[in-house]
Amino acid sequence: MISIKKDDFNRNYELFARLCEITSEPLKIVKEGMPDLVVINADTYIRRKKMLDLREKLLKINEDELFEEKGVTFEELEKYLDEVENETEKN
């Protein structure tokens, strides 16, 4: 993760926004020598959020199997995977 001083980020917003878009990596904004914020491109955030949601669903399936409960159906999981794949293909 790249660290950027707050003042540099403010002066060069367009440059850093483009950097986030190209690399799909977050930027750490540093204020007064201390980490303050993490900035990420919106499309990258959405993709990562979907992947985290998928991971949670997969963990839930595993957990449900251990306790013999029903979690997400395979049809729901397949639909969700298709959505994630379609988003990835668009970018």
PDB file of N, CA and C in Angstrom:
ATOM      1  N   MET A   1       0.855  -1.168   0.000  1.00  0.00           N
ATOM      2  CA  MET A   1       0.000   0.000   0.000  1.00  0.00           C
ATOM      3  C   MET A   1       0.905   1.235   0.000  1.00  0.00           C
ATOM      4  N   ILE A   2       0.609   2.152  -0.876  1.00  0.00           N
ATOM      5  CA  ILE A   2       1.381   3.382  -0.988  1.00  0.00           C
ATOM      6  C   ILE A   2       0.911   4.379   0.063  1.00  0.00           C
ATOM      7  N   SER A   3       1.857   5.044   0.726  1.00  0.00           N
ATOM      8  CA  SER A   3       1.529   6.093   1.695  1.00  0.00           C
ATOM      9  C   SER A   3       1.718   7.452   1.043  1.00  0.00           C
ATOM     10  N   ILE A   4       0.749   8.336   1.230  1.00  0.00           N
ATOM     11  CA  ILE A   4       0.762   9.672   0.642  1.00  0.00           C
ATOM     12  C   ILE A   4       0.506  10.689   1.757  1.00  0.00           C
ATOM     13  N   LYS A   5       1.282  11.755   1.782  1.00  0.00           N
ATOM     14  CA  LYS A   5       1.016  12.827   2.742  1.00  0.00           C
ATOM     15  C   LYS A   5      -0.295  13.512   2.367  1.00  0.00           C
ATOM     16  N   LYS A   6      -1.046  13.898   3.378  1.00  0.00           N
ATOM     17  CA  LYS A   6      -2.355  14.524   3.174  1.00  0.00           C
ATOM     18  C   LYS A   6      -2.263  15.725   2.234  1.00  0.00           C
ATOM     19  N   ASP A   7      -1.296  16.591   2.441  1.00  0.00           N
ATOM     20  CA  ASP A   7      -1.163  17.783   1.599  1.00  0.00           C
ATOM     21  C   ASP A   7      -0.856  17.425   0.150  1.00  0.00           C
ATOM     22  N   ASP A   8      -0.009  16.399  -0.061  1.00  0.00           N
ATOM     23  CA  ASP A   8       0.281  15.951  -1.427  1.00  0.00           C
ATOM     24  C   ASP A   8      -0.968  15.392  -2.086  1.00  0.00           C
ATOM     25  N   PHE A   9      -1.743  14.638  -1.310  1.00  0.00           N
ATOM     26  CA  PHE A   9      -2.986  14.075  -1.845  1.00  0.00           C
ATOM     27  C   PHE A   9      -3.949  15.194  -2.244  1.00  0.00           C
ATOM     28  N   ASN A  10      -4.089  16.195  -1.390  1.00  0.00           N
ATOM     29  CA  ASN A  10      -4.996  17.310  -1.688  1.00  0.00           C
ATOM     30  C   ASN A  10      -4.572  18.063  -2.949  1.00  0.00           C
ATOM     31  N   ARG A  11      -3.275  18.285  -3.095  1.00  0.00           N
ATOM     32  CA  ARG A  11      -2.769  19.034  -4.254  1.00  0.00           C
ATOM     33  C   ARG A  11      -2.850  18.236  -5.555  1.00  0.00           C
ATOM     34  N   ASN A  12      -2.769  16.917  -5.451  1.00  0.00           N
ATOM     35  CA  ASN A  12      -2.690  16.072  -6.647  1.00  0.00           C
ATOM     36  C   ASN A  12      -3.791  15.013  -6.686  1.00  0.00           C
ATOM     37  N   TYR A  13      -4.985  15.401  -6.288  1.00  0.00           N
ATOM     38  CA  TYR A  13      -6.088  14.443  -6.182  1.00  0.00           C
ATOM     39  C   TYR A  13      -6.277  13.631  -7.460  1.00  0.00           C
ATOM     40  N   GLU A  14      -6.343  14.298  -8.609  1.00  0.00           N
ATOM     41  CA  GLU A  14      -6.601  13.608  -9.881  1.00  0.00           C
ATOM     42  C   GLU A  14      -5.538  12.542 -10.159  1.00  0.00           C
ATOM     43  N   LEU A  15      -4.294  12.859  -9.882  1.00  0.00           N
ATOM     44  CA  LEU A  15      -3.200  11.913 -10.091  1.00  0.00           C
ATOM     45  C   LEU A  15      -3.386  10.671  -9.226  1.00  0.00           C
ATOM     46  N   PHE A  16      -3.691  10.872  -7.956  1.00  0.00           N
ATOM     47  CA  PHE A  16      -3.824   9.738  -7.053  1.00  0.00           C
ATOM     48  C   PHE A  16      -5.112   8.958  -7.307  1.00  0.00           C
ATOM     49  N   ALA A  17      -6.160   9.636  -7.717  1.00  0.00           N
ATOM     50  CA  ALA A  17      -7.397   8.944  -8.083  1.00  0.00           C
ATOM     51  C   ALA A  17      -7.133   8.026  -9.271  1.00  0.00           C
ATOM     52  N   ARG A  18      -6.386   8.521 -10.237  1.00  0.00           N
ATOM     53  CA  ARG A  18      -6.031   7.714 -11.418  1.00  0.00           C
ATOM     54  C   ARG A  18      -5.137   6.539 -11.015  1.00  0.00           C
ATOM     55  N   LEU A  19      -4.197   6.783 -10.112  1.00  0.00           N
ATOM     56  CA  LEU A  19      -3.320   5.721  -9.620  1.00  0.00           C
ATOM     57  C   LEU A  19      -4.137   4.598  -8.970  1.00  0.00           C
ATOM     58  N   CYS A  20      -5.114   4.966  -8.166  1.00  0.00           N
ATOM     59  CA  CYS A  20      -5.991   3.967  -7.540  1.00  0.00           C
ATOM     60  C   CYS A  20      -6.757   3.180  -8.602  1.00  0.00           C
ATOM     61  N   GLU A  21      -7.218   3.877  -9.610  1.00  0.00           N
ATOM     62  CA  GLU A  21      -7.979   3.227 -10.681  1.00  0.00           C
ATOM     63  C   GLU A  21      -7.099   2.240 -11.448  1.00  0.00           C
ATOM     64  N   ILE A  22      -5.898   2.644 -11.794  1.00  0.00           N
ATOM     65  CA  ILE A  22      -5.002   1.805 -12.599  1.00  0.00           C
ATOM     66  C   ILE A  22      -4.496   0.597 -11.809  1.00  0.00           C
ATOM     67  N   THR A  23      -4.090   0.825 -10.577  1.00  0.00           N
ATOM     68  CA  THR A  23      -3.472  -0.252  -9.798  1.00  0.00           C
ATOM     69  C   THR A  23      -4.481  -1.102  -9.028  1.00  0.00           C
ATOM     70  N   SER A  24      -5.684  -0.590  -8.816  1.00  0.00           N
ATOM     71  CA  SER A  24      -6.691  -1.260  -7.979  1.00  0.00           C
ATOM     72  C   SER A  24      -6.181  -1.478  -6.554  1.00  0.00           C
ATOM     73  N   GLU A  25      -5.254  -0.647  -6.145  1.00  0.00           N
ATOM     74  CA  GLU A  25      -4.697  -0.732  -4.800  1.00  0.00           C
ATOM     75  C   GLU A  25      -5.103   0.496  -3.992  1.00  0.00           C
ATOM     76  N   PRO A  26      -5.266   0.336  -2.687  1.00  0.00           N
ATOM     77  CA  PRO A  26      -5.598   1.482  -1.840  1.00  0.00           C
ATOM     78  C   PRO A  26      -4.384   2.374  -1.588  1.00  0.00           C
ATOM     79  N   LEU A  27      -4.657   3.612  -1.231  1.00  0.00           N
ATOM     80  CA  LEU A  27      -3.622   4.561  -0.820  1.00  0.00           C
ATOM     81  C   LEU A  27      -3.830   4.885   0.656  1.00  0.00           C
ATOM     82  N   LYS A  28      -2.740   4.921   1.408  1.00  0.00           N
ATOM     83  CA  LYS A  28      -2.819   5.308   2.820  1.00  0.00           C
ATOM     84  C   LYS A  28      -2.473   6.782   2.906  1.00  0.00           C
ATOM     85  N   ILE A  29      -3.384   7.592   3.438  1.00  0.00           N
ATOM     86  CA  ILE A  29      -3.168   9.018   3.610  1.00  0.00           C
ATOM     87  C   ILE A  29      -2.578   9.247   5.001  1.00  0.00           C
ATOM     88  N   VAL A  30      -1.457   9.964   5.036  1.00  0.00           N
ATOM     89  CA  VAL A  30      -0.740  10.214   6.282  1.00  0.00           C
ATOM     90  C   VAL A  30      -0.912  11.685   6.648  1.00  0.00           C
ATOM     91  N   LYS A  31      -1.334  11.926   7.876  1.00  0.00           N
ATOM     92  CA  LYS A  31      -1.524  13.284   8.379  1.00  0.00           C
ATOM     93  C   LYS A  31      -0.650  13.449   9.615  1.00  0.00           C
ATOM     94  N   GLU A  32       0.222  14.444   9.569  1.00  0.00           N
ATOM     95  CA  GLU A  32       1.128  14.726  10.675  1.00  0.00           C
ATOM     96  C   GLU A  32       1.937  13.489  11.066  1.00  0.00           C
ATOM     97  N   GLY A  33       2.368  12.732  10.042  1.00  0.00           N
ATOM     98  CA  GLY A  33       3.209  11.568  10.265  1.00  0.00           C
ATOM     99  C   GLY A  33       2.498  10.308  10.712  1.00  0.00           C
ATOM    100  N   MET A  34       1.182  10.376  10.867  1.00  0.00           N
ATOM    101  CA  MET A  34       0.419   9.219  11.339  1.00  0.00           C
ATOM    102  C   MET A  34      -0.616   8.804  10.284  1.00  0.00           C
ATOM    103  N   PRO A  35      -0.841   7.499  10.108  1.00  0.00           N
ATOM    104  CA  PRO A  35      -1.885   7.063   9.169  1.00  0.00           C
ATOM    105  C   PRO A  35      -3.233   7.659   9.565  1.00  0.00           C
ATOM    106  N   ASP A  36      -3.953   8.198   8.576  1.00  0.00           N
ATOM    107  CA  ASP A  36      -5.219   8.871   8.858  1.00  0.00           C
ATOM    108  C   ASP A  36      -6.383   8.201   8.134  1.00  0.00           C
ATOM    109  N   LEU A  37      -6.232   7.983   6.831  1.00  0.00           N
ATOM    110  CA  LEU A  37      -7.300   7.410   6.015  1.00  0.00           C
ATOM    111  C   LEU A  37      -6.721   6.420   5.013  1.00  0.00           C
ATOM    112  N   VAL A  38      -7.576   5.535   4.526  1.00  0.00           N
ATOM    113  CA  VAL A  38      -7.230   4.679   3.401  1.00  0.00           C
ATOM    114  C   VAL A  38      -8.234   4.981   2.304  1.00  0.00           C
ATOM    115  N   VAL A  39      -7.719   5.249   1.098  1.00  0.00           N
ATOM    116  CA  VAL A  39      -8.563   5.619  -0.038  1.00  0.00           C
ATOM    117  C   VAL A  39      -8.475   4.509  -1.073  1.00  0.00           C
ATOM    118  N   ILE A  40      -9.634   4.123  -1.602  1.00  0.00           N
ATOM    119  CA  ILE A  40      -9.677   3.077  -2.612  1.00  0.00           C
ATOM    120  C   ILE A  40     -10.666   3.481  -3.704  1.00  0.00           C
ATOM    121  N   ASN A  41     -10.393   3.075  -4.924  1.00  0.00           N
ATOM    122  CA  ASN A  41     -11.278   3.332  -6.059  1.00  0.00           C
ATOM    123  C   ASN A  41     -12.636   2.668  -5.803  1.00  0.00           C
ATOM    124  N   ALA A  42     -13.715   3.317  -6.186  1.00  0.00           N
ATOM    125  CA  ALA A  42     -15.062   2.806  -5.912  1.00  0.00           C
ATOM    126  C   ALA A  42     -15.305   1.442  -6.562  1.00  0.00           C
ATOM    127  N   ASP A  43     -14.892   1.258  -7.815  1.00  0.00           N
ATOM    128  CA  ASP A  43     -15.090  -0.031  -8.481  1.00  0.00           C
ATOM    129  C   ASP A  43     -14.318  -1.143  -7.770  1.00  0.00           C
ATOM    130  N   THR A  44     -13.109  -0.838  -7.359  1.00  0.00           N
ATOM    131  CA  THR A  44     -12.304  -1.819  -6.633  1.00  0.00           C
ATOM    132  C   THR A  44     -12.958  -2.158  -5.309  1.00  0.00           C
ATOM    133  N   TYR A  45     -13.493  -1.157  -4.625  1.00  0.00           N
ATOM    134  CA  TYR A  45     -14.178  -1.387  -3.352  1.00  0.00           C
ATOM    135  C   TYR A  45     -15.361  -2.331  -3.544  1.00  0.00           C
ATOM    136  N   ILE A  46     -16.158  -2.086  -4.573  1.00  0.00           N
ATOM    137  CA  ILE A  46     -17.333  -2.923  -4.833  1.00  0.00           C
ATOM    138  C   ILE A  46     -16.910  -4.361  -5.097  1.00  0.00           C
ATOM    139  N   ARG A  47     -15.871  -4.542  -5.933  1.00  0.00           N
ATOM    140  CA  ARG A  47     -15.376  -5.887  -6.234  1.00  0.00           C
ATOM    141  C   ARG A  47     -14.882  -6.581  -4.970  1.00  0.00           C
ATOM    142  N   ARG A  48     -14.106  -5.869  -4.169  1.00  0.00           N
ATOM    143  CA  ARG A  48     -13.581  -6.466  -2.933  1.00  0.00           C
ATOM    144  C   ARG A  48     -14.696  -6.782  -1.949  1.00  0.00           C
ATOM    145  N   LYS A  49     -15.681  -5.910  -1.877  1.00  0.00           N
ATOM    146  CA  LYS A  49     -16.819  -6.145  -0.983  1.00  0.00           C
ATOM    147  C   LYS A  49     -17.558  -7.406  -1.395  1.00  0.00           C
ATOM    148  N   LYS A  50     -17.773  -7.579  -2.695  1.00  0.00           N
ATOM    149  CA  LYS A  50     -18.453  -8.791  -3.178  1.00  0.00           C
ATOM    150  C   LYS A  50     -17.643 -10.042  -2.862  1.00  0.00           C
ATOM    151  N   MET A  51     -16.332  -9.950  -3.008  1.00  0.00           N
ATOM    152  CA  MET A  51     -15.490 -11.101  -2.700  1.00  0.00           C
ATOM    153  C   MET A  51     -15.534 -11.420  -1.202  1.00  0.00           C
ATOM    154  N   LEU A  52     -15.541 -10.396  -0.354  1.00  0.00           N
ATOM    155  CA  LEU A  52     -15.657 -10.629   1.087  1.00  0.00           C
ATOM    156  C   LEU A  52     -17.015 -11.225   1.445  1.00  0.00           C
ATOM    157  N   ASP A  53     -18.069 -10.734   0.789  1.00  0.00           N
ATOM    158  CA  ASP A  53     -19.396 -11.301   1.018  1.00  0.00           C
ATOM    159  C   ASP A  53     -19.425 -12.773   0.620  1.00  0.00           C
ATOM    160  N   LEU A  54     -18.799 -13.091  -0.506  1.00  0.00           N
ATOM    161  CA  LEU A  54     -18.730 -14.477  -0.969  1.00  0.00           C
ATOM    162  C   LEU A  54     -17.979 -15.333   0.041  1.00  0.00           C
ATOM    163  N   ARG A  55     -16.858 -14.827   0.528  1.00  0.00           N
ATOM    164  CA  ARG A  55     -16.092 -15.574   1.528  1.00  0.00           C
ATOM    165  C   ARG A  55     -16.942 -15.848   2.763  1.00  0.00           C
ATOM    166  N   GLU A  56     -17.695 -14.846   3.204  1.00  0.00           N
ATOM    167  CA  GLU A  56     -18.565 -15.046   4.366  1.00  0.00           C
ATOM    168  C   GLU A  56     -19.618 -16.110   4.088  1.00  0.00           C
ATOM    169  N   LYS A  57     -20.192 -16.093   2.881  1.00  0.00           N
ATOM    170  CA  LYS A  57     -21.194 -17.108   2.527  1.00  0.00           C
ATOM    171  C   LYS A  57     -20.578 -18.495   2.498  1.00  0.00           C
ATOM    172  N   LEU A  58     -19.372 -18.612   1.944  1.00  0.00           N
ATOM    173  CA  LEU A  58     -18.709 -19.907   1.901  1.00  0.00           C
ATOM    174  C   LEU A  58     -18.386 -20.410   3.308  1.00  0.00           C
ATOM    175  N   LEU A  59     -17.944 -19.495   4.169  1.00  0.00           N
ATOM    176  CA  LEU A  59     -17.690 -19.882   5.553  1.00  0.00           C
ATOM    177  C   LEU A  59     -18.976 -20.295   6.248  1.00  0.00           C
ATOM    178  N   LYS A  60     -20.057 -19.620   5.925  1.00  0.00           N
ATOM    179  CA  LYS A  60     -21.364 -19.951   6.514  1.00  0.00           C
ATOM    180  C   LYS A  60     -21.797 -21.350   6.087  1.00  0.00           C
ATOM    181  N   ILE A  61     -21.562 -21.692   4.815  1.00  0.00           N
ATOM    182  CA  ILE A  61     -21.909 -23.033   4.331  1.00  0.00           C
ATOM    183  C   ILE A  61     -21.124 -24.071   5.114  1.00  0.00           C
ATOM    184  N   ASN A  62     -19.823 -23.829   5.269  1.00  0.00           N
ATOM    185  CA  ASN A  62     -18.978 -24.760   6.008  1.00  0.00           C
ATOM    186  C   ASN A  62     -19.445 -24.877   7.459  1.00  0.00           C
ATOM    187  N   GLU A  63     -19.754 -23.740   8.055  1.00  0.00           N
ATOM    188  CA  GLU A  63     -20.226 -23.726   9.440  1.00  0.00           C
ATOM    189  C   GLU A  63     -21.546 -24.482   9.552  1.00  0.00           C
ATOM    190  N   ASP A  64     -22.456 -24.255   8.614  1.00  0.00           N
ATOM    191  CA  ASP A  64     -23.755 -24.925   8.640  1.00  0.00           C
ATOM    192  C   ASP A  64     -23.609 -26.434   8.495  1.00  0.00           C
ATOM    193  N   GLU A  65     -22.654 -26.863   7.674  1.00  0.00           N
ATOM    194  CA  GLU A  65     -22.427 -28.297   7.523  1.00  0.00           C
ATOM    195  C   GLU A  65     -21.986 -28.897   8.849  1.00  0.00           C
ATOM    196  N   LEU A  66     -21.158 -28.157   9.582  1.00  0.00           N
ATOM    197  CA  LEU A  66     -20.695 -28.657  10.867  1.00  0.00           C
ATOM    198  C   LEU A  66     -21.851 -28.814  11.854  1.00  0.00           C
ATOM    199  N   PHE A  67     -22.816 -27.907  11.786  1.00  0.00           N
ATOM    200  CA  PHE A  67     -23.936 -27.937  12.719  1.00  0.00           C
ATOM    201  C   PHE A  67     -25.216 -28.481  12.078  1.00  0.00           C
ATOM    202  N   GLU A  68     -25.071 -29.053  10.877  1.00  0.00           N
ATOM    203  CA  GLU A  68     -26.185 -29.647  10.140  1.00  0.00           C
ATOM    204  C   GLU A  68     -27.359 -28.688   9.982  1.00  0.00           C
ATOM    205  N   GLU A  69     -27.042 -27.433   9.663  1.00  0.00           N
ATOM    206  CA  GLU A  69     -28.072 -26.438   9.382  1.00  0.00           C
ATOM    207  C   GLU A  69     -27.989 -26.087   7.908  1.00  0.00           C
ATOM    208  N   LYS A  70     -29.063 -25.528   7.383  1.00  0.00           N
ATOM    209  CA  LYS A  70     -29.073 -25.108   5.983  1.00  0.00           C
ATOM    210  C   LYS A  70     -28.684 -23.639   5.906  1.00  0.00           C
ATOM    211  N   GLY A  71     -27.698 -23.313   5.059  1.00  0.00           N
ATOM    212  CA  GLY A  71     -27.259 -21.939   4.843  1.00  0.00           C
ATOM    213  C   GLY A  71     -27.698 -21.478   3.466  1.00  0.00           C
ATOM    214  N   VAL A  72     -26.776 -21.014   2.695  1.00  0.00           N
ATOM    215  CA  VAL A  72     -27.023 -20.532   1.341  1.00  0.00           C
ATOM    216  C   VAL A  72     -27.194 -21.734   0.423  1.00  0.00           C
ATOM    217  N   THR A  73     -28.193 -21.680  -0.453  1.00  0.00           N
ATOM    218  CA  THR A  73     -28.374 -22.769  -1.408  1.00  0.00           C
ATOM    219  C   THR A  73     -27.299 -22.681  -2.485  1.00  0.00           C
ATOM    220  N   PHE A  74     -27.059 -23.789  -3.150  1.00  0.00           N
ATOM    221  CA  PHE A  74     -26.077 -23.792  -4.224  1.00  0.00           C
ATOM    222  C   PHE A  74     -26.514 -22.893  -5.373  1.00  0.00           C
ATOM    223  N   GLU A  75     -27.823 -22.793  -5.591  1.00  0.00           N
ATOM    224  CA  GLU A  75     -28.329 -21.895  -6.630  1.00  0.00           C
ATOM    225  C   GLU A  75     -28.030 -20.438  -6.294  1.00  0.00           C
ATOM    226  N   GLU A  76     -28.216 -20.064  -5.034  1.00  0.00           N
ATOM    227  CA  GLU A  76     -27.902 -18.703  -4.606  1.00  0.00           C
ATOM    228  C   GLU A  76     -26.406 -18.425  -4.727  1.00  0.00           C
ATOM    229  N   LEU A  77     -25.607 -19.390  -4.346  1.00  0.00           N
ATOM    230  CA  LEU A  77     -24.163 -19.233  -4.435  1.00  0.00           C
ATOM    231  C   LEU A  77     -23.720 -19.127  -5.889  1.00  0.00           C
ATOM    232  N   GLU A  78     -24.294 -19.949  -6.760  1.00  0.00           N
ATOM    233  CA  GLU A  78     -23.950 -19.901  -8.184  1.00  0.00           C
ATOM    234  C   GLU A  78     -24.329 -18.548  -8.789  1.00  0.00           C
ATOM    235  N   LYS A  79     -25.503 -18.043  -8.435  1.00  0.00           N
ATOM    236  CA  LYS A  79     -25.929 -16.733  -8.931  1.00  0.00           C
ATOM    237  C   LYS A  79     -24.964 -15.647  -8.458  1.00  0.00           C
ATOM    238  N   TYR A  80     -24.572 -15.712  -7.213  1.00  0.00           N
ATOM    239  CA  TYR A  80     -23.648 -14.715  -6.663  1.00  0.00           C
ATOM    240  C   TYR A  80     -22.289 -14.800  -7.358  1.00  0.00           C
ATOM    241  N   LEU A  81     -21.790 -16.011  -7.578  1.00  0.00           N
ATOM    242  CA  LEU A  81     -20.523 -16.183  -8.284  1.00  0.00           C
ATOM    243  C   LEU A  81     -20.591 -15.616  -9.693  1.00  0.00           C
ATOM    244  N   ASP A  82     -21.710 -15.831 -10.377  1.00  0.00           N
ATOM    245  CA  ASP A  82     -21.892 -15.280 -11.717  1.00  0.00           C
ATOM    246  C   ASP A  82     -21.823 -13.756 -11.684  1.00  0.00           C
ATOM    247  N   GLU A  83     -22.441 -13.142 -10.687  1.00  0.00           N
ATOM    248  CA  GLU A  83     -22.420 -11.684 -10.567  1.00  0.00           C
ATOM    249  C   GLU A  83     -20.992 -11.178 -10.363  1.00  0.00           C
ATOM    250  N   VAL A  84     -20.237 -11.853  -9.507  1.00  0.00           N
ATOM    251  CA  VAL A  84     -18.856 -11.447  -9.247  1.00  0.00           C
ATOM    252  C   VAL A  84     -18.015 -11.601 -10.505  1.00  0.00           C
ATOM    253  N   GLU A  85     -18.186 -12.700 -11.222  1.00  0.00           N
ATOM    254  CA  GLU A  85     -17.432 -12.934 -12.455  1.00  0.00           C
ATOM    255  C   GLU A  85     -17.781 -11.892 -13.496  1.00  0.00           C
ATOM    256  N   ASN A  86     -19.054 -11.548 -13.626  1.00  0.00           N
ATOM    257  CA  ASN A  86     -19.465 -10.529 -14.600  1.00  0.00           C
ATOM    258  C   ASN A  86     -18.862  -9.182 -14.264  1.00  0.00           C
ATOM    259  N   GLU A  87     -18.812  -8.808 -12.998  1.00  0.00           N
ATOM    260  CA  GLU A  87     -18.209  -7.552 -12.587  1.00  0.00           C
ATOM    261  C   GLU A  87     -16.719  -7.537 -12.916  1.00  0.00           C
ATOM    262  N   THR A  88     -16.049  -8.673 -12.677  1.00  0.00           N
ATOM    263  CA  THR A  88     -14.622  -8.772 -12.935  1.00  0.00           C
ATOM    264  C   THR A  88     -14.346  -8.648 -14.434  1.00  0.00           C
ATOM    265  N   GLU A  89     -15.187  -9.252 -15.268  1.00  0.00           N
ATOM    266  CA  GLU A  89     -15.011  -9.190 -16.709  1.00  0.00           C
ATOM    267  C   GLU A  89     -15.218  -7.784 -17.259  1.00  0.00           C
ATOM    268  N   LYS A  90     -16.100  -7.025 -16.630  1.00  0.00           N
ATOM    269  CA  LYS A  90     -16.365  -5.657 -17.080  1.00  0.00           C
ATOM    270  C   LYS A  90     -15.140  -4.771 -16.892  1.00  0.00           C
ATOM    271  N   ASN A  91     -14.358  -5.066 -15.857  1.00  0.00           N
ATOM    272  CA  ASN A  91     -13.193  -4.230 -15.521  1.00  0.00           C
ATOM    273  C   ASN A  91     -11.988  -4.842 -16.109  1.00  0.00           C
TER     274      ASN A  91
END
